[in-house]
Amino acid sequence: SVFPGASNELGESRAGAMTALIGAVPAVVVGGIGAIVVTLACWKLFPDLTKVERMDRSL
């Protein structure tokens, strides 16, 4: 499909641009910090998800 391929290409170009701007190691550190920030934001925004013990499809 066109969309998954295009999203992969966009992600690679974004990562390449970031690496070209600040270097490889800082780009990895910034990406890791960004992942942690997004995780903590979701944890705060959706506190009910922390109480889920298992995902069951039979609702």
PDB file of N, CA and C in Angstrom:
ATOM      1  N   SER A   1       0.833  -1.185   0.000  1.00  0.00           N
ATOM      2  CA  SER A   1       0.000   0.000   0.000  1.00  0.00           C
ATOM      3  C   SER A   1       0.880   1.253   0.000  1.00  0.00           C
ATOM      4  N   VAL A   2       0.338   2.320  -0.469  1.00  0.00           N
ATOM      5  CA  VAL A   2       1.095   3.567  -0.583  1.00  0.00           C
ATOM      6  C   VAL A   2       1.326   4.203   0.782  1.00  0.00           C
ATOM      7  N   PHE A   3       0.326   4.175   1.647  1.00  0.00           N
ATOM      8  CA  PHE A   3       0.419   4.919   2.892  1.00  0.00           C
ATOM      9  C   PHE A   3       1.478   4.384   3.853  1.00  0.00           C
ATOM     10  N   PRO A   4       1.562   3.076   4.126  1.00  0.00           N
ATOM     11  CA  PRO A   4       2.644   2.615   5.006  1.00  0.00           C
ATOM     12  C   PRO A   4       4.028   2.920   4.443  1.00  0.00           C
ATOM     13  N   GLY A   5       4.192   2.753   3.144  1.00  0.00           N
ATOM     14  CA  GLY A   5       5.486   3.054   2.533  1.00  0.00           C
ATOM     15  C   GLY A   5       5.839   4.525   2.650  1.00  0.00           C
ATOM     16  N   ALA A   6       4.848   5.383   2.428  1.00  0.00           N
ATOM     17  CA  ALA A   6       5.087   6.825   2.523  1.00  0.00           C
ATOM     18  C   ALA A   6       5.403   7.234   3.951  1.00  0.00           C
ATOM     19  N   SER A   7       4.718   6.644   4.925  1.00  0.00           N
ATOM     20  CA  SER A   7       4.987   7.007   6.316  1.00  0.00           C
ATOM     21  C   SER A   7       6.385   6.570   6.728  1.00  0.00           C
ATOM     22  N   ASN A   8       6.828   5.426   6.245  1.00  0.00           N
ATOM     23  CA  ASN A   8       8.187   4.984   6.549  1.00  0.00           C
ATOM     24  C   ASN A   8       9.210   5.937   5.951  1.00  0.00           C
ATOM     25  N   GLU A   9       8.978   6.348   4.714  1.00  0.00           N
ATOM     26  CA  GLU A   9       9.906   7.276   4.058  1.00  0.00           C
ATOM     27  C   GLU A   9       9.943   8.620   4.788  1.00  0.00           C
ATOM     28  N   LEU A  10       8.787   9.111   5.205  1.00  0.00           N
ATOM     29  CA  LEU A  10       8.750  10.380   5.931  1.00  0.00           C
ATOM     30  C   LEU A  10       9.474  10.268   7.266  1.00  0.00           C
ATOM     31  N   GLY A  11       9.284   9.165   7.953  1.00  0.00           N
ATOM     32  CA  GLY A  11       9.972   8.957   9.222  1.00  0.00           C
ATOM     33  C   GLY A  11      11.476   8.886   9.056  1.00  0.00           C
ATOM     34  N   GLU A  12      11.913   8.212   8.008  1.00  0.00           N
ATOM     35  CA  GLU A  12      13.347   8.112   7.753  1.00  0.00           C
ATOM     36  C   GLU A  12      13.938   9.472   7.393  1.00  0.00           C
ATOM     37  N   SER A  13      13.225  10.262   6.611  1.00  0.00           N
ATOM     38  CA  SER A  13      13.750  11.581   6.241  1.00  0.00           C
ATOM     39  C   SER A  13      13.786  12.509   7.447  1.00  0.00           C
ATOM     40  N   ARG A  14      12.780  12.409   8.322  1.00  0.00           N
ATOM     41  CA  ARG A  14      12.776  13.220   9.539  1.00  0.00           C
ATOM     42  C   ARG A  14      13.942  12.844  10.432  1.00  0.00           C
ATOM     43  N   ALA A  15      14.165  11.547  10.600  1.00  0.00           N
ATOM     44  CA  ALA A  15      15.272  11.084  11.435  1.00  0.00           C
ATOM     45  C   ALA A  15      16.611  11.487  10.829  1.00  0.00           C
ATOM     46  N   GLY A  16      16.725  11.399   9.524  1.00  0.00           N
ATOM     47  CA  GLY A  16      17.960  11.805   8.861  1.00  0.00           C
ATOM     48  C   GLY A  16      18.226  13.292   8.997  1.00  0.00           C
ATOM     49  N   ALA A  17      17.184  14.095   8.886  1.00  0.00           N
ATOM     50  CA  ALA A  17      17.341  15.544   9.036  1.00  0.00           C
ATOM     51  C   ALA A  17      17.762  15.895  10.457  1.00  0.00           C
ATOM     52  N   MET A  18      17.156  15.243  11.435  1.00  0.00           N
ATOM     53  CA  MET A  18      17.513  15.494  12.828  1.00  0.00           C
ATOM     54  C   MET A  18      18.960  15.096  13.091  1.00  0.00           C
ATOM     55  N   THR A  19      19.362  13.961  12.547  1.00  0.00           N
ATOM     56  CA  THR A  19      20.734  13.500  12.716  1.00  0.00           C
ATOM     57  C   THR A  19      21.714  14.457  12.048  1.00  0.00           C
ATOM     58  N   ALA A  20      21.367  14.961  10.879  1.00  0.00           N
ATOM     59  CA  ALA A  20      22.241  15.909  10.185  1.00  0.00           C
ATOM     60  C   ALA A  20      22.363  17.218  10.960  1.00  0.00           C
ATOM     61  N   LEU A  21      21.297  17.617  11.632  1.00  0.00           N
ATOM     62  CA  LEU A  21      21.317  18.879  12.374  1.00  0.00           C
ATOM     63  C   LEU A  21      22.100  18.793  13.676  1.00  0.00           C
ATOM     64  N   ILE A  22      21.881  17.731  14.455  1.00  0.00           N
ATOM     65  CA  ILE A  22      22.475  17.701  15.797  1.00  0.00           C
ATOM     66  C   ILE A  22      23.431  16.542  16.021  1.00  0.00           C
ATOM     67  N   GLY A  23      23.536  15.617  15.091  1.00  0.00           N
ATOM     68  CA  GLY A  23      24.432  14.475  15.256  1.00  0.00           C
ATOM     69  C   GLY A  23      23.669  13.228  15.663  1.00  0.00           C
ATOM     70  N   ALA A  24      24.321  12.084  15.523  1.00  0.00           N
ATOM     71  CA  ALA A  24      23.652  10.799  15.748  1.00  0.00           C
ATOM     72  C   ALA A  24      23.311  10.564  17.215  1.00  0.00           C
ATOM     73  N   VAL A  25      24.278  10.737  18.101  1.00  0.00           N
ATOM     74  CA  VAL A  25      24.032  10.452  19.519  1.00  0.00           C
ATOM     75  C   VAL A  25      22.994  11.404  20.101  1.00  0.00           C
ATOM     76  N   PRO A  26      23.108  12.715  19.890  1.00  0.00           N
ATOM     77  CA  PRO A  26      22.056  13.594  20.406  1.00  0.00           C
ATOM     78  C   PRO A  26      20.672  13.289  19.825  1.00  0.00           C
ATOM     79  N   ALA A  27      20.610  12.873  18.566  1.00  0.00           N
ATOM     80  CA  ALA A  27      19.315  12.540  17.965  1.00  0.00           C
ATOM     81  C   ALA A  27      18.685  11.344  18.666  1.00  0.00           C
ATOM     82  N   VAL A  28      19.505  10.356  19.010  1.00  0.00           N
ATOM     83  CA  VAL A  28      18.988   9.190  19.733  1.00  0.00           C
ATOM     84  C   VAL A  28      18.530   9.591  21.127  1.00  0.00           C
ATOM     85  N   VAL A  29      19.295  10.439  21.799  1.00  0.00           N
ATOM     86  CA  VAL A  29      18.927  10.888  23.145  1.00  0.00           C
ATOM     87  C   VAL A  29      17.629  11.689  23.103  1.00  0.00           C
ATOM     88  N   VAL A  30      17.511  12.608  22.155  1.00  0.00           N
ATOM     89  CA  VAL A  30      16.285  13.407  22.023  1.00  0.00           C
ATOM     90  C   VAL A  30      15.089  12.503  21.724  1.00  0.00           C
ATOM     91  N   GLY A  31      15.281  11.516  20.857  1.00  0.00           N
ATOM     92  CA  GLY A  31      14.198  10.579  20.556  1.00  0.00           C
ATOM     93  C   GLY A  31      13.775   9.773  21.772  1.00  0.00           C
ATOM     94  N   GLY A  32      14.738   9.339  22.567  1.00  0.00           N
ATOM     95  CA  GLY A  32      14.425   8.594  23.790  1.00  0.00           C
ATOM     96  C   GLY A  32      13.685   9.443  24.800  1.00  0.00           C
ATOM     97  N   ILE A  33      14.139  10.676  24.966  1.00  0.00           N
ATOM     98  CA  ILE A  33      13.458  11.588  25.888  1.00  0.00           C
ATOM     99  C   ILE A  33      12.043  11.876  25.391  1.00  0.00           C
ATOM    100  N   GLY A  34      11.894  12.049  24.086  1.00  0.00           N
ATOM    101  CA  GLY A  34      10.564  12.273  23.520  1.00  0.00           C
ATOM    102  C   GLY A  34       9.630  11.103  23.775  1.00  0.00           C
ATOM    103  N   ALA A  35      10.153   9.882  23.646  1.00  0.00           N
ATOM    104  CA  ALA A  35       9.333   8.693  23.904  1.00  0.00           C
ATOM    105  C   ALA A  35       8.899   8.636  25.362  1.00  0.00           C
ATOM    106  N   ILE A  36       9.802   8.991  26.268  1.00  0.00           N
ATOM    107  CA  ILE A  36       9.460   8.993  27.693  1.00  0.00           C
ATOM    108  C   ILE A  36       8.417  10.062  27.992  1.00  0.00           C
ATOM    109  N   VAL A  37       8.563  11.237  27.398  1.00  0.00           N
ATOM    110  CA  VAL A  37       7.604  12.327  27.618  1.00  0.00           C
ATOM    111  C   VAL A  37       6.213  11.932  27.123  1.00  0.00           C
ATOM    112  N   VAL A  38       6.139  11.330  25.947  1.00  0.00           N
ATOM    113  CA  VAL A  38       4.840  10.899  25.409  1.00  0.00           C
ATOM    114  C   VAL A  38       4.226   9.823  26.299  1.00  0.00           C
ATOM    115  N   THR A  39       5.040   8.887  26.782  1.00  0.00           N
ATOM    116  CA  THR A  39       4.541   7.838  27.670  1.00  0.00           C
ATOM    117  C   THR A  39       3.989   8.428  28.959  1.00  0.00           C
ATOM    118  N   LEU A  40       4.718   9.358  29.562  1.00  0.00           N
ATOM    119  CA  LEU A  40       4.244   9.981  30.799  1.00  0.00           C
ATOM    120  C   LEU A  40       2.990  10.817  30.566  1.00  0.00           C
ATOM    121  N   ALA A  41       2.907  11.490  29.428  1.00  0.00           N
ATOM    122  CA  ALA A  41       1.715  12.281  29.117  1.00  0.00           C
ATOM    123  C   ALA A  41       0.492  11.381  28.969  1.00  0.00           C
ATOM    124  N   CYS A  42       0.648  10.256  28.291  1.00  0.00           N
ATOM    125  CA  CYS A  42      -0.469   9.310  28.145  1.00  0.00           C
ATOM    126  C   CYS A  42      -0.859   8.723  29.490  1.00  0.00           C
ATOM    127  N   TRP A  43       0.124   8.479  30.329  1.00  0.00           N
ATOM    128  CA  TRP A  43      -0.136   7.944  31.667  1.00  0.00           C
ATOM    129  C   TRP A  43      -0.977   8.929  32.472  1.00  0.00           C
ATOM    130  N   LYS A  44      -0.672  10.230  32.342  1.00  0.00           N
ATOM    131  CA  LYS A  44      -1.425  11.249  33.063  1.00  0.00           C
ATOM    132  C   LYS A  44      -2.799  11.497  32.437  1.00  0.00           C
ATOM    133  N   LEU A  45      -2.874  11.484  31.102  1.00  0.00           N
ATOM    134  CA  LEU A  45      -4.129  11.793  30.419  1.00  0.00           C
ATOM    135  C   LEU A  45      -5.144  10.655  30.487  1.00  0.00           C
ATOM    136  N   PHE A  46      -4.661   9.422  30.562  1.00  0.00           N
ATOM    137  CA  PHE A  46      -5.536   8.250  30.562  1.00  0.00           C
ATOM    138  C   PHE A  46      -5.229   7.358  31.768  1.00  0.00           C
ATOM    139  N   PRO A  47      -5.527   7.816  32.987  1.00  0.00           N
ATOM    140  CA  PRO A  47      -5.167   7.047  34.182  1.00  0.00           C
ATOM    141  C   PRO A  47      -5.885   5.699  34.284  1.00  0.00           C
ATOM    142  N   ASP A  48      -7.040   5.563  33.640  1.00  0.00           N
ATOM    143  CA  ASP A  48      -7.757   4.288  33.698  1.00  0.00           C
ATOM    144  C   ASP A  48      -6.966   3.161  33.035  1.00  0.00           C
ATOM    145  N   LEU A  49      -6.117   3.496  32.086  1.00  0.00           N
ATOM    146  CA  LEU A  49      -5.326   2.462  31.415  1.00  0.00           C
ATOM    147  C   LEU A  49      -4.335   1.795  32.362  1.00  0.00           C
ATOM    148  N   THR A  50      -3.930   2.491  33.416  1.00  0.00           N
ATOM    149  CA  THR A  50      -2.986   1.883  34.359  1.00  0.00           C
ATOM    150  C   THR A  50      -3.653   0.799  35.202  1.00  0.00           C
ATOM    151  N   LYS A  51      -4.978   0.801  35.229  1.00  0.00           N
ATOM    152  CA  LYS A  51      -5.705  -0.188  36.027  1.00  0.00           C
ATOM    153  C   LYS A  51      -6.065  -1.446  35.244  1.00  0.00           C
ATOM    154  N   VAL A  52      -5.811  -1.449  33.951  1.00  0.00           N
ATOM    155  CA  VAL A  52      -6.149  -2.596  33.107  1.00  0.00           C
ATOM    156  C   VAL A  52      -5.169  -3.725  33.391  1.00  0.00           C
ATOM    157  N   GLU A  53      -5.702  -4.891  33.735  1.00  0.00           N
ATOM    158  CA  GLU A  53      -4.846  -6.042  34.008  1.00  0.00           C
ATOM    159  C   GLU A  53      -4.605  -6.871  32.761  1.00  0.00           C
ATOM    160  N   ARG A  54      -5.610  -6.950  31.889  1.00  0.00           N
ATOM    161  CA  ARG A  54      -5.441  -7.688  30.641  1.00  0.00           C
ATOM    162  C   ARG A  54      -6.438  -7.154  29.622  1.00  0.00           C
ATOM    163  N   MET A  55      -6.099  -7.336  28.372  1.00  0.00           N
ATOM    164  CA  MET A  55      -6.973  -6.909  27.289  1.00  0.00           C
ATOM    165  C   MET A  55      -7.821  -8.106  26.871  1.00  0.00           C
ATOM    166  N   ASP A  56      -9.118  -8.011  27.113  1.00  0.00           N
ATOM    167  CA  ASP A  56     -10.022  -9.105  26.797  1.00  0.00           C
ATOM    168  C   ASP A  56     -11.007  -8.629  25.738  1.00  0.00           C
ATOM    169  N   ARG A  57     -11.127  -9.390  24.668  1.00  0.00           N
ATOM    170  CA  ARG A  57     -12.010  -8.983  23.575  1.00  0.00           C
ATOM    171  C   ARG A  57     -13.480  -9.288  23.863  1.00  0.00           C
ATOM    172  N   SER A  58     -13.789 -10.133  24.817  1.00  0.00           N
ATOM    173  CA  SER A  58     -15.187 -10.480  25.100  1.00  0.00           C
ATOM    174  C   SER A  58     -15.763  -9.474  26.087  1.00  0.00           C
ATOM    175  N   LEU A  59     -16.334  -8.410  25.563  1.00  0.00           N
ATOM    176  CA  LEU A  59     -16.897  -7.372  26.432  1.00  0.00           C
ATOM    177  C   LEU A  59     -18.351  -7.595  26.627  1.00  0.00           C
TER     178      LEU A  59
END
